[in-house]
PDB file of N, CA and C in Angstrom:
ATOM      1  N   UNK A   1     -28.678  -6.792   3.546  1.00  0.00           N
ATOM      2  CA  UNK A   1     -28.015  -5.685   4.166  1.00  0.00           C
ATOM      3  C   UNK A   1     -26.856  -6.137   5.056  1.00  0.00           C
ATOM      4  N   UNK A   2     -26.966  -7.323   5.650  1.00  0.00           N
ATOM      5  CA  UNK A   2     -25.900  -7.779   6.536  1.00  0.00           C
ATOM      6  C   UNK A   2     -24.619  -8.096   5.757  1.00  0.00           C
ATOM      7  N   UNK A   3     -24.738  -8.478   4.472  1.00  0.00           N
ATOM      8  CA  UNK A   3     -23.541  -8.746   3.668  1.00  0.00           C
ATOM      9  C   UNK A   3     -22.747  -7.461   3.453  1.00  0.00           C
ATOM     10  N   UNK A   4     -23.445  -6.369   3.235  1.00  0.00           N
ATOM     11  CA  UNK A   4     -22.764  -5.087   3.030  1.00  0.00           C
ATOM     12  C   UNK A   4     -22.061  -4.672   4.315  1.00  0.00           C
ATOM     13  N   UNK A   5     -22.702  -4.889   5.445  1.00  0.00           N
ATOM     14  CA  UNK A   5     -22.084  -4.563   6.725  1.00  0.00           C
ATOM     15  C   UNK A   5     -20.834  -5.369   6.975  1.00  0.00           C
ATOM     16  N   UNK A   6     -20.877  -6.652   6.655  1.00  0.00           N
ATOM     17  CA  UNK A   6     -19.698  -7.509   6.829  1.00  0.00           C
ATOM     18  C   UNK A   6     -18.573  -7.059   5.903  1.00  0.00           C
ATOM     19  N   UNK A   7     -18.937  -6.687   4.688  1.00  0.00           N
ATOM     20  CA  UNK A   7     -17.946  -6.211   3.733  1.00  0.00           C
ATOM     21  C   UNK A   7     -17.288  -4.925   4.232  1.00  0.00           C
ATOM     22  N   UNK A   8     -18.069  -4.009   4.770  1.00  0.00           N
ATOM     23  CA  UNK A   8     -17.513  -2.759   5.291  1.00  0.00           C
ATOM     24  C   UNK A   8     -16.614  -3.000   6.496  1.00  0.00           C
ATOM     25  N   UNK A   9     -16.985  -3.920   7.364  1.00  0.00           N
ATOM     26  CA  UNK A   9     -16.147  -4.249   8.519  1.00  0.00           C
ATOM     27  C   UNK A   9     -14.832  -4.866   8.047  1.00  0.00           C
ATOM     28  N   UNK A  10     -14.886  -5.758   7.078  1.00  0.00           N
ATOM     29  CA  UNK A  10     -13.670  -6.382   6.549  1.00  0.00           C
ATOM     30  C   UNK A  10     -12.776  -5.338   5.877  1.00  0.00           C
ATOM     31  N   UNK A  11     -13.362  -4.442   5.103  1.00  0.00           N
ATOM     32  CA  UNK A  11     -12.579  -3.403   4.432  1.00  0.00           C
ATOM     33  C   UNK A  11     -11.937  -2.473   5.458  1.00  0.00           C
ATOM     34  N   UNK A  12     -12.671  -2.125   6.495  1.00  0.00           N
ATOM     35  CA  UNK A  12     -12.114  -1.274   7.543  1.00  0.00           C
ATOM     36  C   UNK A  12     -10.977  -1.940   8.276  1.00  0.00           C
ATOM     37  N   UNK A  13     -11.116  -3.234   8.534  1.00  0.00           N
ATOM     38  CA  UNK A  13     -10.057  -3.983   9.203  1.00  0.00           C
ATOM     39  C   UNK A  13      -8.802  -4.034   8.342  1.00  0.00           C
ATOM     40  N   UNK A  14      -8.982  -4.249   7.046  1.00  0.00           N
ATOM     41  CA  UNK A  14      -7.829  -4.276   6.140  1.00  0.00           C
ATOM     42  C   UNK A  14      -7.142  -2.915   6.077  1.00  0.00           C
ATOM     43  N   UNK A  15      -7.918  -1.843   6.053  1.00  0.00           N
ATOM     44  CA  UNK A  15      -7.325  -0.509   6.034  1.00  0.00           C
ATOM     45  C   UNK A  15      -6.580  -0.218   7.336  1.00  0.00           C
ATOM     46  N   UNK A  16      -7.133  -0.667   8.451  1.00  0.00           N
ATOM     47  CA  UNK A  16      -6.474  -0.483   9.731  1.00  0.00           C
ATOM     48  C   UNK A  16      -5.143  -1.231   9.765  1.00  0.00           C
ATOM     49  N   UNK A  17      -5.142  -2.470   9.303  1.00  0.00           N
ATOM     50  CA  UNK A  17      -3.904  -3.255   9.269  1.00  0.00           C
ATOM     51  C   UNK A  17      -2.876  -2.636   8.336  1.00  0.00           C
ATOM     52  N   UNK A  18      -3.326  -2.150   7.180  1.00  0.00           N
ATOM     53  CA  UNK A  18      -2.407  -1.512   6.236  1.00  0.00           C
ATOM     54  C   UNK A  18      -1.802  -0.253   6.852  1.00  0.00           C
ATOM     55  N   UNK A  19      -2.604   0.517   7.567  1.00  0.00           N
ATOM     56  CA  UNK A  19      -2.101   1.710   8.233  1.00  0.00           C
ATOM     57  C   UNK A  19      -1.080   1.381   9.304  1.00  0.00           C
ATOM     58  N   UNK A  20      -1.354   0.344  10.083  1.00  0.00           N
ATOM     59  CA  UNK A  20      -0.404  -0.063  11.120  1.00  0.00           C
ATOM     60  C   UNK A  20       0.915  -0.541  10.518  1.00  0.00           C
ATOM     61  N   UNK A  21       0.834  -1.283   9.422  1.00  0.00           N
ATOM     62  CA  UNK A  21       2.055  -1.750   8.749  1.00  0.00           C
ATOM     63  C   UNK A  21       2.870  -0.562   8.245  1.00  0.00           C
ATOM     64  N   UNK A  22       2.204   0.445   7.688  1.00  0.00           N
ATOM     65  CA  UNK A  22       2.923   1.620   7.193  1.00  0.00           C
ATOM     66  C   UNK A  22       3.552   2.415   8.339  1.00  0.00           C
ATOM     67  N   UNK A  23       2.868   2.507   9.468  1.00  0.00           N
ATOM     68  CA  UNK A  23       3.433   3.208  10.621  1.00  0.00           C
ATOM     69  C   UNK A  23       4.678   2.490  11.126  1.00  0.00           C
ATOM     70  N   UNK A  24       4.590   1.166  11.253  1.00  0.00           N
ATOM     71  CA  UNK A  24       5.745   0.387  11.727  1.00  0.00           C
ATOM     72  C   UNK A  24       6.888   0.459  10.714  1.00  0.00           C
ATOM     73  N   UNK A  25       6.568   0.389   9.432  1.00  0.00           N
ATOM     74  CA  UNK A  25       7.603   0.473   8.401  1.00  0.00           C
ATOM     75  C   UNK A  25       8.285   1.836   8.418  1.00  0.00           C
ATOM     76  N   UNK A  26       7.532   2.887   8.703  1.00  0.00           N
ATOM     77  CA  UNK A  26       8.121   4.218   8.777  1.00  0.00           C
ATOM     78  C   UNK A  26       9.062   4.368   9.956  1.00  0.00           C
ATOM     79  N   UNK A  27       8.703   3.770  11.084  1.00  0.00           N
ATOM     80  CA  UNK A  27       9.561   3.857  12.263  1.00  0.00           C
ATOM     81  C   UNK A  27      10.781   2.955  12.153  1.00  0.00           C
ATOM     82  N   UNK A  28      10.703   1.920  11.317  1.00  0.00           N
ATOM     83  CA  UNK A  28      11.823   1.002  11.137  1.00  0.00           C
ATOM     84  C   UNK A  28      12.748   1.446  10.006  1.00  0.00           C
ATOM     85  N   UNK A  29      12.548   2.663   9.497  1.00  0.00           N
ATOM     86  CA  UNK A  29      13.344   3.234   8.402  1.00  0.00           C
ATOM     87  C   UNK A  29      13.288   2.378   7.140  1.00  0.00           C
ATOM     88  N   UNK A  30      12.156   1.724   6.893  1.00  0.00           N
ATOM     89  CA  UNK A  30      11.953   1.009   5.639  1.00  0.00           C
ATOM     90  C   UNK A  30      11.750   2.060   4.554  1.00  0.00           C
ATOM     91  N   UNK A  31      12.490   1.984   3.449  1.00  0.00           N
ATOM     92  CA  UNK A  31      12.482   3.088   2.478  1.00  0.00           C
ATOM     93  C   UNK A  31      11.255   3.126   1.567  1.00  0.00           C
ATOM     94  N   UNK A  32      10.102   2.723   2.072  1.00  0.00           N
ATOM     95  CA  UNK A  32       8.886   2.766   1.263  1.00  0.00           C
ATOM     96  C   UNK A  32       8.550   4.224   0.978  1.00  0.00           C
ATOM     97  N   UNK A  33       8.466   4.566  -0.296  1.00  0.00           N
ATOM     98  CA  UNK A  33       8.211   5.944  -0.682  1.00  0.00           C
ATOM     99  C   UNK A  33       9.483   6.708  -1.009  1.00  0.00           C
ATOM    100  N   UNK A  34      10.614   6.095  -0.789  1.00  0.00           N
ATOM    101  CA  UNK A  34      11.901   6.722  -1.093  1.00  0.00           C
ATOM    102  C   UNK A  34      12.782   5.770  -1.883  1.00  0.00           C
ATOM    103  N   UNK A  35      12.169   4.953  -2.704  1.00  0.00           N
ATOM    104  CA  UNK A  35      12.927   3.978  -3.486  1.00  0.00           C
ATOM    105  C   UNK A  35      13.546   4.636  -4.708  1.00  0.00           C
ATOM    106  N   UNK A  36      14.640   4.061  -5.221  1.00  0.00           N
ATOM    107  CA  UNK A  36      15.173   4.549  -6.490  1.00  0.00           C
ATOM    108  C   UNK A  36      14.127   4.321  -7.580  1.00  0.00           C
ATOM    109  N   UNK A  37      13.851   5.314  -8.339  1.00  0.00           N
ATOM    110  CA  UNK A  37      12.814   5.224  -9.358  1.00  0.00           C
ATOM    111  C   UNK A  37      11.611   6.069  -9.005  1.00  0.00           C
ATOM    112  N   UNK A  38      11.512   6.518  -7.759  1.00  0.00           N
ATOM    113  CA  UNK A  38      10.471   7.457  -7.378  1.00  0.00           C
ATOM    114  C   UNK A  38      10.875   8.831  -7.899  1.00  0.00           C
ATOM    115  N   UNK A  39       9.928   9.513  -8.511  1.00  0.00           N
ATOM    116  CA  UNK A  39      10.217  10.804  -9.135  1.00  0.00           C
ATOM    117  C   UNK A  39       9.939  11.914  -8.126  1.00  0.00           C
ATOM    118  N   UNK A  40      10.959  12.739  -7.886  1.00  0.00           N
ATOM    119  CA  UNK A  40      10.841  13.842  -6.939  1.00  0.00           C
ATOM    120  C   UNK A  40      11.486  15.068  -7.560  1.00  0.00           C
ATOM    121  N   UNK A  41      10.702  16.149  -7.685  1.00  0.00           N
ATOM    122  CA  UNK A  41      11.211  17.392  -8.246  1.00  0.00           C
ATOM    123  C   UNK A  41      10.821  18.540  -7.324  1.00  0.00           C
ATOM    124  N   UNK A  42      11.803  19.300  -6.925  1.00  0.00           N
ATOM    125  CA  UNK A  42      11.541  20.468  -6.086  1.00  0.00           C
ATOM    126  C   UNK A  42      12.007  21.710  -6.846  1.00  0.00           C
ATOM    127  N   UNK A  43      11.053  22.528  -7.223  1.00  0.00           N
ATOM    128  CA  UNK A  43      11.360  23.774  -7.913  1.00  0.00           C
ATOM    129  C   UNK A  43      11.267  24.948  -6.961  1.00  0.00           C
ATOM    130  N   UNK A  44      11.234  26.157  -7.514  1.00  0.00           N
ATOM    131  CA  UNK A  44      11.127  27.350  -6.685  1.00  0.00           C
ATOM    132  C   UNK A  44       9.777  27.427  -5.978  1.00  0.00           C
ATOM    133  N   UNK A  45       8.707  27.190  -6.731  1.00  0.00           N
ATOM    134  CA  UNK A  45       7.368  27.387  -6.185  1.00  0.00           C
ATOM    135  C   UNK A  45       6.535  26.116  -6.071  1.00  0.00           C
ATOM    136  N   UNK A  46       7.092  25.011  -6.477  1.00  0.00           N
ATOM    137  CA  UNK A  46       6.294  23.779  -6.467  1.00  0.00           C
ATOM    138  C   UNK A  46       7.174  22.569  -6.199  1.00  0.00           C
ATOM    139  N   UNK A  47       6.540  21.568  -5.631  1.00  0.00           N
ATOM    140  CA  UNK A  47       7.206  20.288  -5.403  1.00  0.00           C
ATOM    141  C   UNK A  47       6.326  19.206  -5.996  1.00  0.00           C
ATOM    142  N   UNK A  48       6.927  18.316  -6.788  1.00  0.00           N
ATOM    143  CA  UNK A  48       6.196  17.227  -7.420  1.00  0.00           C
ATOM    144  C   UNK A  48       6.829  15.922  -6.963  1.00  0.00           C
ATOM    145  N   UNK A  49       5.986  15.018  -6.464  1.00  0.00           N
ATOM    146  CA  UNK A  49       6.464  13.714  -6.010  1.00  0.00           C
ATOM    147  C   UNK A  49       5.560  12.652  -6.600  1.00  0.00           C
ATOM    148  N   UNK A  50       6.136  11.707  -7.321  1.00  0.00           N
ATOM    149  CA  UNK A  50       5.387  10.607  -7.900  1.00  0.00           C
ATOM    150  C   UNK A  50       6.100   9.307  -7.564  1.00  0.00           C
ATOM    151  N   UNK A  51       5.535   8.505  -6.647  1.00  0.00           N
ATOM    152  CA  UNK A  51       6.211   7.275  -6.199  1.00  0.00           C
ATOM    153  C   UNK A  51       6.040   6.123  -7.192  1.00  0.00           C
ATOM    154  N   UNK A  52       6.711   6.190  -8.311  1.00  0.00           N
ATOM    155  CA  UNK A  52       6.572   5.194  -9.370  1.00  0.00           C
ATOM    156  C   UNK A  52       7.082   3.823  -8.934  1.00  0.00           C
ATOM    157  N   UNK A  53       8.290   3.744  -8.431  1.00  0.00           N
ATOM    158  CA  UNK A  53       8.869   2.457  -8.025  1.00  0.00           C
ATOM    159  C   UNK A  53       8.107   1.872  -6.837  1.00  0.00           C
ATOM    160  N   UNK A  54       7.714   2.709  -5.900  1.00  0.00           N
ATOM    161  CA  UNK A  54       6.954   2.238  -4.746  1.00  0.00           C
ATOM    162  C   UNK A  54       5.610   1.668  -5.192  1.00  0.00           C
ATOM    163  N   UNK A  55       4.966   2.314  -6.145  1.00  0.00           N
ATOM    164  CA  UNK A  55       3.682   1.823  -6.654  1.00  0.00           C
ATOM    165  C   UNK A  55       3.836   0.460  -7.317  1.00  0.00           C
ATOM    166  N   UNK A  56       4.903   0.273  -8.066  1.00  0.00           N
ATOM    167  CA  UNK A  56       5.132  -1.004  -8.744  1.00  0.00           C
ATOM    168  C   UNK A  56       5.411  -2.104  -7.723  1.00  0.00           C
ATOM    169  N   UNK A  57       6.230  -1.810  -6.710  1.00  0.00           N
ATOM    170  CA  UNK A  57       6.540  -2.806  -5.682  1.00  0.00           C
ATOM    171  C   UNK A  57       5.279  -3.203  -4.924  1.00  0.00           C
ATOM    172  N   UNK A  58       4.480  -2.237  -4.506  1.00  0.00           N
ATOM    173  CA  UNK A  58       3.236  -2.539  -3.795  1.00  0.00           C
ATOM    174  C   UNK A  58       2.263  -3.313  -4.671  1.00  0.00           C
ATOM    175  N   UNK A  59       2.207  -3.006  -5.953  1.00  0.00           N
ATOM    176  CA  UNK A  59       1.329  -3.720  -6.867  1.00  0.00           C
ATOM    177  C   UNK A  59       1.733  -5.183  -6.989  1.00  0.00           C
ATOM    178  N   UNK A  60       3.021  -5.439  -7.091  1.00  0.00           N
ATOM    179  CA  UNK A  60       3.501  -6.817  -7.198  1.00  0.00           C
ATOM    180  C   UNK A  60       3.211  -7.585  -5.913  1.00  0.00           C
ATOM    181  N   UNK A  61       3.470  -6.959  -4.763  1.00  0.00           N
ATOM    182  CA  UNK A  61       3.212  -7.626  -3.483  1.00  0.00           C
ATOM    183  C   UNK A  61       1.729  -7.940  -3.318  1.00  0.00           C
ATOM    184  N   UNK A  62       0.860  -6.976  -3.610  1.00  0.00           N
ATOM    185  CA  UNK A  62      -0.580  -7.214  -3.492  1.00  0.00           C
ATOM    186  C   UNK A  62      -1.069  -8.264  -4.478  1.00  0.00           C
ATOM    187  N   UNK A  63      -0.511  -8.290  -5.677  1.00  0.00           N
ATOM    188  CA  UNK A  63      -0.889  -9.301  -6.659  1.00  0.00           C
ATOM    189  C   UNK A  63      -0.545 -10.697  -6.160  1.00  0.00           C
ATOM    190  N   UNK A  64       0.644 -10.855  -5.606  1.00  0.00           N
ATOM    191  CA  UNK A  64       1.058 -12.166  -5.093  1.00  0.00           C
ATOM    192  C   UNK A  64       0.188 -12.579  -3.908  1.00  0.00           C
ATOM    193  N   UNK A  65      -0.068 -11.664  -2.989  1.00  0.00           N
ATOM    194  CA  UNK A  65      -0.894 -11.984  -1.818  1.00  0.00           C
ATOM    195  C   UNK A  65      -2.308 -12.372  -2.238  1.00  0.00           C
ATOM    196  N   UNK A  66      -2.908 -11.610  -3.122  1.00  0.00           N
ATOM    197  CA  UNK A  66      -4.269 -11.926  -3.573  1.00  0.00           C
ATOM    198  C   UNK A  66      -4.319 -13.218  -4.381  1.00  0.00           C
ATOM    199  N   UNK A  67      -3.258 -13.522  -5.138  1.00  0.00           N
ATOM    200  CA  UNK A  67      -3.201 -14.787  -5.863  1.00  0.00           C
ATOM    201  C   UNK A  67      -3.158 -15.971  -4.901  1.00  0.00           C
ATOM    202  N   UNK A  68      -2.346 -15.826  -3.852  1.00  0.00           N
ATOM    203  CA  UNK A  68      -2.240 -16.897  -2.855  1.00  0.00           C
ATOM    204  C   UNK A  68      -3.580 -17.082  -2.136  1.00  0.00           C
ATOM    205  N   UNK A  69      -4.228 -15.991  -1.765  1.00  0.00           N
ATOM    206  CA  UNK A  69      -5.548 -16.084  -1.123  1.00  0.00           C
ATOM    207  C   UNK A  69      -6.545 -16.730  -2.055  1.00  0.00           C
ATOM    208  N   UNK A  70      -6.498 -16.405  -3.342  1.00  0.00           N
ATOM    209  CA  UNK A  70      -7.397 -17.016  -4.320  1.00  0.00           C
ATOM    210  C   UNK A  70      -7.177 -18.509  -4.477  1.00  0.00           C
ATOM    211  N   UNK A  71      -5.925 -18.936  -4.377  1.00  0.00           N
ATOM    212  CA  UNK A  71      -5.630 -20.371  -4.474  1.00  0.00           C
ATOM    213  C   UNK A  71      -6.200 -21.150  -3.289  1.00  0.00           C
ATOM    214  N   UNK A  72      -6.161 -20.556  -2.095  1.00  0.00           N
ATOM    215  CA  UNK A  72      -6.682 -21.226  -0.908  1.00  0.00           C
ATOM    216  C   UNK A  72      -8.204 -21.265  -0.876  1.00  0.00           C
ATOM    217  N   UNK A  73      -8.854 -20.336  -1.548  1.00  0.00           N
ATOM    218  CA  UNK A  73     -10.332 -20.277  -1.515  1.00  0.00           C
ATOM    219  C   UNK A  73     -10.970 -21.285  -2.439  1.00  0.00           C
ATOM    220  N   UNK A  74     -10.221 -21.867  -3.349  1.00  0.00           N
ATOM    221  CA  UNK A  74     -10.801 -22.822  -4.303  1.00  0.00           C
ATOM    222  C   UNK A  74     -11.051 -24.142  -3.676  1.00  0.00           C
TER     223      UNK A  74
END
């Protein structure tokens, strides 16, 4: 049971850090979520937003970070 608790604490810490990074990035006018390639459509009765380019950039960054962490754990 203690392993699950440690895992939950680690996951919560990572989510907290990710939230803080997004808050700081928003205040620093970092264009995360407004990149070219993000799909945004505003009609009369509906608005559709799909952050395609932002998702790809975040995926690449997370892949590199996790790869580097994996290399150090070996």
